[in-house]
């Protein structure tokens, strides 16, 4: 699927997208923009991508839309780096698991997370 890992048995891309959404690195508008990006970029995609391009519901319902719980397999430190992306983008995550400085330090320790964010969301800017 053009480098997008979106299937139940290979869900790393959608797992990363959901991790970013739940950690406030992206918002619902950006989720919809990502889904639109997939619709335009991938020759084939699961039906849930079309639904995500229109999704305006509660975060708790995202797994129902996708139809399964995707997995990216982030370590705790990598997950904190995703929170660091939220802070780097000028967002204030709801109930962050660590202070601003600790999340940004995790982001510096895991440049692969920032690289994955940039490749997954090429239309977003991270300072």
N, C-alpha and C. Protein backbone atom coordinates (compact mmCIF):
# COMPACT_ATOMS: atom_id res chain seq x y z
N UNK A 1 0.83 -1.21 0.00
CA UNK A 1 0.00 0.00 0.00
C UNK A 1 0.87 1.25 0.00
N UNK A 2 1.82 1.28 -0.89
CA UNK A 2 2.65 2.46 -1.12
C UNK A 2 3.42 2.90 0.12
N UNK A 3 3.93 1.95 0.89
CA UNK A 3 4.70 2.29 2.07
C UNK A 3 3.87 2.54 3.32
N UNK A 4 2.58 2.64 3.17
CA UNK A 4 1.70 2.84 4.32
C UNK A 4 1.38 1.48 4.91
N UNK A 5 1.61 1.34 6.20
CA UNK A 5 1.33 0.07 6.89
C UNK A 5 0.02 0.25 7.67
N UNK A 6 -1.07 -0.19 7.03
CA UNK A 6 -2.41 0.14 7.50
C UNK A 6 -3.28 -1.07 7.80
N UNK A 7 -2.76 -2.26 7.60
CA UNK A 7 -3.56 -3.47 7.77
C UNK A 7 -3.51 -3.98 9.22
N UNK A 8 -4.48 -4.76 9.57
CA UNK A 8 -4.54 -5.33 10.92
C UNK A 8 -3.25 -6.05 11.28
N UNK A 9 -2.69 -6.82 10.35
CA UNK A 9 -1.49 -7.59 10.64
C UNK A 9 -0.19 -6.83 10.37
N UNK A 10 -0.29 -5.61 9.90
CA UNK A 10 0.87 -4.74 9.67
C UNK A 10 0.40 -3.29 9.81
N UNK A 11 0.29 -2.84 11.05
CA UNK A 11 -0.40 -1.57 11.33
C UNK A 11 0.51 -0.48 11.87
N UNK A 12 1.79 -0.53 11.57
CA UNK A 12 2.73 0.42 12.17
C UNK A 12 2.40 1.87 11.82
N UNK A 13 2.00 2.14 10.58
CA UNK A 13 1.72 3.54 10.20
C UNK A 13 0.49 4.07 10.93
N UNK A 14 -0.61 3.34 10.86
CA UNK A 14 -1.82 3.82 11.54
C UNK A 14 -1.63 3.79 13.05
N UNK A 15 -0.82 2.87 13.55
CA UNK A 15 -0.51 2.86 14.98
C UNK A 15 0.24 4.11 15.40
N UNK A 16 1.18 4.55 14.57
CA UNK A 16 1.91 5.78 14.86
C UNK A 16 0.99 6.99 14.78
N UNK A 17 0.12 7.02 13.79
CA UNK A 17 -0.82 8.13 13.65
C UNK A 17 -1.71 8.23 14.88
N UNK A 18 -2.24 7.12 15.33
CA UNK A 18 -3.10 7.12 16.52
C UNK A 18 -2.30 7.52 17.76
N UNK A 19 -1.07 7.06 17.87
CA UNK A 19 -0.22 7.46 19.01
C UNK A 19 -0.02 8.97 19.00
N UNK A 20 0.19 9.54 17.83
CA UNK A 20 0.36 10.99 17.73
C UNK A 20 -0.93 11.72 18.10
N UNK A 21 -2.06 11.18 17.70
CA UNK A 21 -3.35 11.79 18.01
C UNK A 21 -3.61 11.75 19.51
N UNK A 22 -3.40 10.61 20.14
CA UNK A 22 -3.67 10.47 21.57
C UNK A 22 -2.69 11.26 22.44
N UNK A 23 -1.53 11.59 21.90
CA UNK A 23 -0.54 12.35 22.67
C UNK A 23 -0.50 13.83 22.27
N UNK A 24 -1.50 14.26 21.51
CA UNK A 24 -1.67 15.66 21.11
C UNK A 24 -0.58 16.18 20.17
N UNK A 25 0.16 15.28 19.52
CA UNK A 25 1.13 15.74 18.52
C UNK A 25 0.41 16.18 17.25
N UNK A 26 -0.79 15.61 17.01
CA UNK A 26 -1.67 16.06 15.93
C UNK A 26 -3.07 16.21 16.52
N UNK A 27 -3.90 16.96 15.81
CA UNK A 27 -5.30 17.11 16.22
C UNK A 27 -6.21 16.44 15.18
N UNK A 28 -7.50 16.50 15.39
CA UNK A 28 -8.43 15.84 14.47
C UNK A 28 -8.35 16.40 13.06
N UNK A 29 -8.18 17.68 12.93
CA UNK A 29 -8.05 18.28 11.59
C UNK A 29 -6.84 17.71 10.86
N UNK A 30 -5.75 17.55 11.59
CA UNK A 30 -4.53 17.00 11.00
C UNK A 30 -4.67 15.50 10.72
N UNK A 31 -5.45 14.80 11.54
CA UNK A 31 -5.76 13.40 11.25
C UNK A 31 -6.50 13.30 9.93
N UNK A 32 -7.50 14.15 9.74
CA UNK A 32 -8.25 14.15 8.49
C UNK A 32 -7.34 14.50 7.31
N UNK A 33 -6.43 15.46 7.50
CA UNK A 33 -5.49 15.82 6.44
C UNK A 33 -4.57 14.65 6.11
N UNK A 34 -4.15 13.90 7.13
CA UNK A 34 -3.32 12.72 6.88
C UNK A 34 -4.10 11.70 6.06
N UNK A 35 -5.35 11.45 6.43
CA UNK A 35 -6.17 10.49 5.69
C UNK A 35 -6.34 10.94 4.24
N UNK A 36 -6.54 12.23 4.03
CA UNK A 36 -6.63 12.76 2.66
C UNK A 36 -5.31 12.53 1.91
N UNK A 37 -4.19 12.71 2.61
CA UNK A 37 -2.87 12.46 2.02
C UNK A 37 -2.77 11.00 1.57
N UNK A 38 -3.22 10.08 2.39
CA UNK A 38 -3.20 8.65 2.03
C UNK A 38 -4.10 8.41 0.82
N UNK A 39 -5.29 9.00 0.85
CA UNK A 39 -6.24 8.82 -0.26
C UNK A 39 -5.62 9.27 -1.59
N UNK A 40 -4.84 10.33 -1.55
CA UNK A 40 -4.22 10.87 -2.77
C UNK A 40 -2.93 10.15 -3.14
N UNK A 41 -2.24 9.56 -2.17
CA UNK A 41 -0.91 8.99 -2.39
C UNK A 41 -0.88 7.49 -2.63
N UNK A 42 -1.80 6.78 -2.04
CA UNK A 42 -1.75 5.32 -2.08
C UNK A 42 -2.65 4.78 -3.20
N UNK A 43 -2.15 3.82 -3.94
CA UNK A 43 -2.98 3.22 -4.99
C UNK A 43 -4.13 2.37 -4.40
N UNK A 44 -3.95 1.90 -3.17
CA UNK A 44 -4.98 1.11 -2.48
C UNK A 44 -4.88 1.42 -0.99
N UNK A 45 -6.01 1.34 -0.32
CA UNK A 45 -6.05 1.64 1.12
C UNK A 45 -7.30 1.00 1.69
N UNK A 46 -7.28 0.74 3.01
CA UNK A 46 -8.48 0.17 3.66
C UNK A 46 -9.62 1.18 3.68
N UNK A 47 -10.83 0.68 3.77
CA UNK A 47 -12.02 1.55 3.78
C UNK A 47 -12.00 2.55 4.92
N UNK A 48 -11.40 2.20 6.06
CA UNK A 48 -11.43 3.11 7.19
C UNK A 48 -10.70 4.43 6.91
N UNK A 49 -9.80 4.46 5.95
CA UNK A 49 -9.10 5.70 5.62
C UNK A 49 -10.11 6.75 5.13
N UNK A 50 -11.06 6.34 4.32
CA UNK A 50 -12.10 7.26 3.86
C UNK A 50 -12.90 7.78 5.05
N UNK A 51 -13.22 6.90 5.98
CA UNK A 51 -13.97 7.32 7.17
C UNK A 51 -13.15 8.28 8.02
N UNK A 52 -11.84 8.04 8.13
CA UNK A 52 -10.98 8.94 8.92
C UNK A 52 -10.89 10.32 8.27
N UNK A 53 -11.00 10.38 6.96
CA UNK A 53 -10.91 11.68 6.28
C UNK A 53 -12.10 12.57 6.64
N UNK A 54 -13.15 11.96 7.17
CA UNK A 54 -14.36 12.70 7.58
C UNK A 54 -14.58 12.67 9.08
N UNK A 55 -13.73 11.99 9.83
CA UNK A 55 -13.94 11.75 11.26
C UNK A 55 -13.97 13.04 12.06
N UNK A 56 -15.02 13.18 12.84
CA UNK A 56 -15.14 14.34 13.73
C UNK A 56 -15.76 13.91 15.05
N UNK A 57 -15.48 12.68 15.44
CA UNK A 57 -16.07 12.13 16.65
C UNK A 57 -15.15 12.24 17.85
N UNK A 58 -15.44 11.41 18.83
CA UNK A 58 -14.64 11.36 20.04
C UNK A 58 -13.45 10.43 19.81
N UNK A 59 -12.32 10.77 20.44
CA UNK A 59 -11.13 9.94 20.29
C UNK A 59 -11.39 8.50 20.71
N UNK A 60 -12.23 8.31 21.71
CA UNK A 60 -12.52 6.96 22.18
C UNK A 60 -13.14 6.09 21.10
N UNK A 61 -13.69 6.69 20.07
CA UNK A 61 -14.35 5.96 19.00
C UNK A 61 -13.44 5.64 17.81
N UNK A 62 -12.20 6.07 17.88
CA UNK A 62 -11.30 5.92 16.73
C UNK A 62 -11.07 4.45 16.38
N UNK A 63 -10.99 3.59 17.39
CA UNK A 63 -10.76 2.16 17.12
C UNK A 63 -11.95 1.51 16.44
N UNK A 64 -13.16 1.99 16.74
CA UNK A 64 -14.35 1.48 16.06
C UNK A 64 -14.30 1.83 14.58
N UNK A 65 -13.84 3.03 14.27
CA UNK A 65 -13.73 3.46 12.88
C UNK A 65 -12.69 2.61 12.15
N UNK A 66 -11.54 2.41 12.79
CA UNK A 66 -10.46 1.64 12.18
C UNK A 66 -10.84 0.16 12.09
N UNK A 67 -11.53 -0.33 13.10
CA UNK A 67 -11.96 -1.72 13.09
C UNK A 67 -11.04 -2.66 13.86
N UNK A 68 -9.94 -2.14 14.38
CA UNK A 68 -9.00 -2.91 15.19
C UNK A 68 -8.13 -1.92 15.94
N UNK A 69 -7.36 -2.42 16.90
CA UNK A 69 -6.44 -1.57 17.66
C UNK A 69 -5.07 -1.70 17.00
N UNK A 70 -4.63 -0.66 16.28
CA UNK A 70 -3.34 -0.73 15.60
C UNK A 70 -2.18 -0.66 16.58
N UNK A 71 -1.05 -1.18 16.15
CA UNK A 71 0.12 -1.20 17.02
C UNK A 71 1.33 -0.64 16.29
N UNK A 72 2.06 0.22 16.96
CA UNK A 72 3.31 0.71 16.44
C UNK A 72 4.48 0.19 17.26
N UNK A 73 4.20 -0.20 18.51
CA UNK A 73 5.25 -0.76 19.34
C UNK A 73 6.27 0.25 19.81
N UNK A 74 5.84 1.44 20.17
CA UNK A 74 6.75 2.45 20.69
C UNK A 74 7.18 2.08 22.11
N UNK A 75 8.45 2.28 22.41
CA UNK A 75 8.91 2.13 23.79
C UNK A 75 8.35 3.30 24.60
N UNK A 76 8.44 3.21 25.91
CA UNK A 76 7.96 4.31 26.77
C UNK A 76 8.70 5.60 26.45
N UNK A 77 9.99 5.51 26.21
CA UNK A 77 10.78 6.69 25.89
C UNK A 77 10.42 7.27 24.52
N UNK A 78 10.14 6.40 23.56
CA UNK A 78 9.70 6.87 22.24
C UNK A 78 8.31 7.50 22.33
N UNK A 79 7.43 6.94 23.13
CA UNK A 79 6.11 7.53 23.32
C UNK A 79 6.23 8.90 23.95
N UNK A 80 7.17 9.05 24.87
CA UNK A 80 7.42 10.37 25.46
C UNK A 80 7.97 11.33 24.41
N UNK A 81 8.76 10.83 23.49
CA UNK A 81 9.27 11.66 22.39
C UNK A 81 8.12 12.20 21.54
N UNK A 82 7.05 11.40 21.37
CA UNK A 82 5.88 11.88 20.65
C UNK A 82 5.25 13.06 21.40
N UNK A 83 5.21 12.98 22.72
CA UNK A 83 4.74 14.11 23.54
C UNK A 83 5.67 15.31 23.32
N UNK A 84 6.97 15.04 23.20
CA UNK A 84 7.93 16.09 22.89
C UNK A 84 7.61 16.78 21.58
N UNK A 85 7.14 16.03 20.59
CA UNK A 85 6.73 16.63 19.31
C UNK A 85 5.57 17.59 19.55
N UNK A 86 4.62 17.17 20.37
CA UNK A 86 3.48 18.05 20.69
C UNK A 86 3.99 19.36 21.29
N UNK A 87 4.89 19.27 22.26
CA UNK A 87 5.45 20.48 22.86
C UNK A 87 6.22 21.30 21.83
N UNK A 88 7.01 20.63 20.99
CA UNK A 88 7.80 21.33 19.97
C UNK A 88 6.90 22.05 18.97
N UNK A 89 5.69 21.54 18.79
CA UNK A 89 4.74 22.18 17.88
C UNK A 89 3.92 23.27 18.59
N UNK A 90 4.26 23.56 19.84
CA UNK A 90 3.58 24.62 20.57
C UNK A 90 2.25 24.21 21.16
N UNK A 91 2.05 22.94 21.34
CA UNK A 91 0.80 22.43 21.92
C UNK A 91 1.00 22.11 23.39
N UNK A 92 -0.07 22.10 24.10
CA UNK A 92 -0.05 21.72 25.51
C UNK A 92 -0.86 20.43 25.65
N UNK A 93 -0.19 19.29 25.64
CA UNK A 93 -0.92 18.01 25.75
C UNK A 93 -1.72 17.94 27.04
N UNK A 94 -2.87 17.29 26.94
CA UNK A 94 -3.71 17.09 28.10
C UNK A 94 -3.04 16.07 29.01
N UNK A 95 -2.83 16.43 30.24
CA UNK A 95 -2.26 15.55 31.26
C UNK A 95 -1.00 14.82 30.76
N UNK A 96 0.04 15.59 30.40
CA UNK A 96 1.26 14.95 29.88
C UNK A 96 1.92 14.06 30.92
N UNK A 97 2.54 12.97 30.47
CA UNK A 97 3.15 12.02 31.40
C UNK A 97 4.46 12.52 32.01
N UNK A 98 4.97 13.63 31.50
CA UNK A 98 6.24 14.18 31.99
C UNK A 98 6.27 15.67 31.69
N UNK A 99 7.14 16.40 32.36
CA UNK A 99 7.26 17.84 32.08
C UNK A 99 7.79 18.09 30.67
N UNK A 100 7.58 19.31 30.23
CA UNK A 100 8.01 19.81 28.93
C UNK A 100 9.47 19.46 28.65
N UNK A 101 10.36 19.78 29.59
CA UNK A 101 11.79 19.57 29.37
C UNK A 101 12.13 18.08 29.21
N UNK A 102 11.47 17.22 29.97
CA UNK A 102 11.73 15.79 29.88
C UNK A 102 11.24 15.21 28.55
N UNK A 103 10.08 15.68 28.09
CA UNK A 103 9.55 15.21 26.81
C UNK A 103 10.44 15.66 25.66
N UNK A 104 10.93 16.89 25.72
CA UNK A 104 11.83 17.37 24.67
C UNK A 104 13.17 16.64 24.71
N UNK A 105 13.64 16.29 25.90
CA UNK A 105 14.87 15.50 26.02
C UNK A 105 14.66 14.12 25.39
N UNK A 106 13.50 13.51 25.60
CA UNK A 106 13.20 12.21 24.98
C UNK A 106 13.18 12.33 23.46
N UNK A 107 12.67 13.45 22.98
CA UNK A 107 12.65 13.68 21.53
C UNK A 107 14.07 13.78 20.98
N UNK A 108 14.95 14.46 21.70
CA UNK A 108 16.36 14.55 21.27
C UNK A 108 17.03 13.19 21.30
N UNK A 109 16.65 12.33 22.24
CA UNK A 109 17.23 10.99 22.35
C UNK A 109 16.70 10.04 21.27
N UNK A 110 15.58 10.40 20.67
CA UNK A 110 14.95 9.53 19.67
C UNK A 110 14.67 10.29 18.38
N UNK A 111 15.72 10.66 17.66
CA UNK A 111 15.50 11.39 16.40
C UNK A 111 14.71 10.57 15.38
N UNK A 112 14.69 9.25 15.54
CA UNK A 112 13.92 8.40 14.63
C UNK A 112 12.42 8.67 14.75
N UNK A 113 11.98 9.11 15.93
CA UNK A 113 10.56 9.42 16.12
C UNK A 113 10.21 10.69 15.36
N UNK A 114 11.07 11.68 15.43
CA UNK A 114 10.85 12.92 14.67
C UNK A 114 10.91 12.63 13.17
N UNK A 115 11.83 11.79 12.76
CA UNK A 115 11.94 11.42 11.35
C UNK A 115 10.67 10.71 10.88
N UNK A 116 10.15 9.81 11.71
CA UNK A 116 8.91 9.12 11.35
C UNK A 116 7.74 10.09 11.29
N UNK A 117 7.71 11.04 12.22
CA UNK A 117 6.64 12.05 12.20
C UNK A 117 6.69 12.85 10.90
N UNK A 118 7.88 13.29 10.53
CA UNK A 118 8.02 14.08 9.30
C UNK A 118 7.66 13.29 8.05
N UNK A 119 7.99 12.01 8.02
CA UNK A 119 7.65 11.21 6.84
C UNK A 119 6.17 10.83 6.83
N UNK A 120 5.58 10.65 8.00
CA UNK A 120 4.16 10.31 8.09
C UNK A 120 3.28 11.51 7.80
N UNK A 121 3.72 12.67 8.25
CA UNK A 121 2.95 13.92 8.08
C UNK A 121 3.81 14.95 7.32
N UNK A 122 4.10 14.70 6.05
CA UNK A 122 5.00 15.60 5.32
C UNK A 122 4.44 17.02 5.15
N UNK A 123 3.18 17.21 5.40
CA UNK A 123 2.54 18.50 5.24
C UNK A 123 2.53 19.31 6.54
N UNK A 124 3.11 18.77 7.64
CA UNK A 124 3.17 19.47 8.92
C UNK A 124 4.60 19.92 9.21
N UNK A 125 4.73 20.98 9.96
CA UNK A 125 6.03 21.53 10.30
C UNK A 125 6.30 21.30 11.79
N UNK A 126 7.51 20.85 12.09
CA UNK A 126 7.97 20.74 13.47
C UNK A 126 9.24 21.56 13.56
N UNK A 127 9.25 22.48 14.50
CA UNK A 127 10.43 23.34 14.67
C UNK A 127 11.52 22.60 15.42
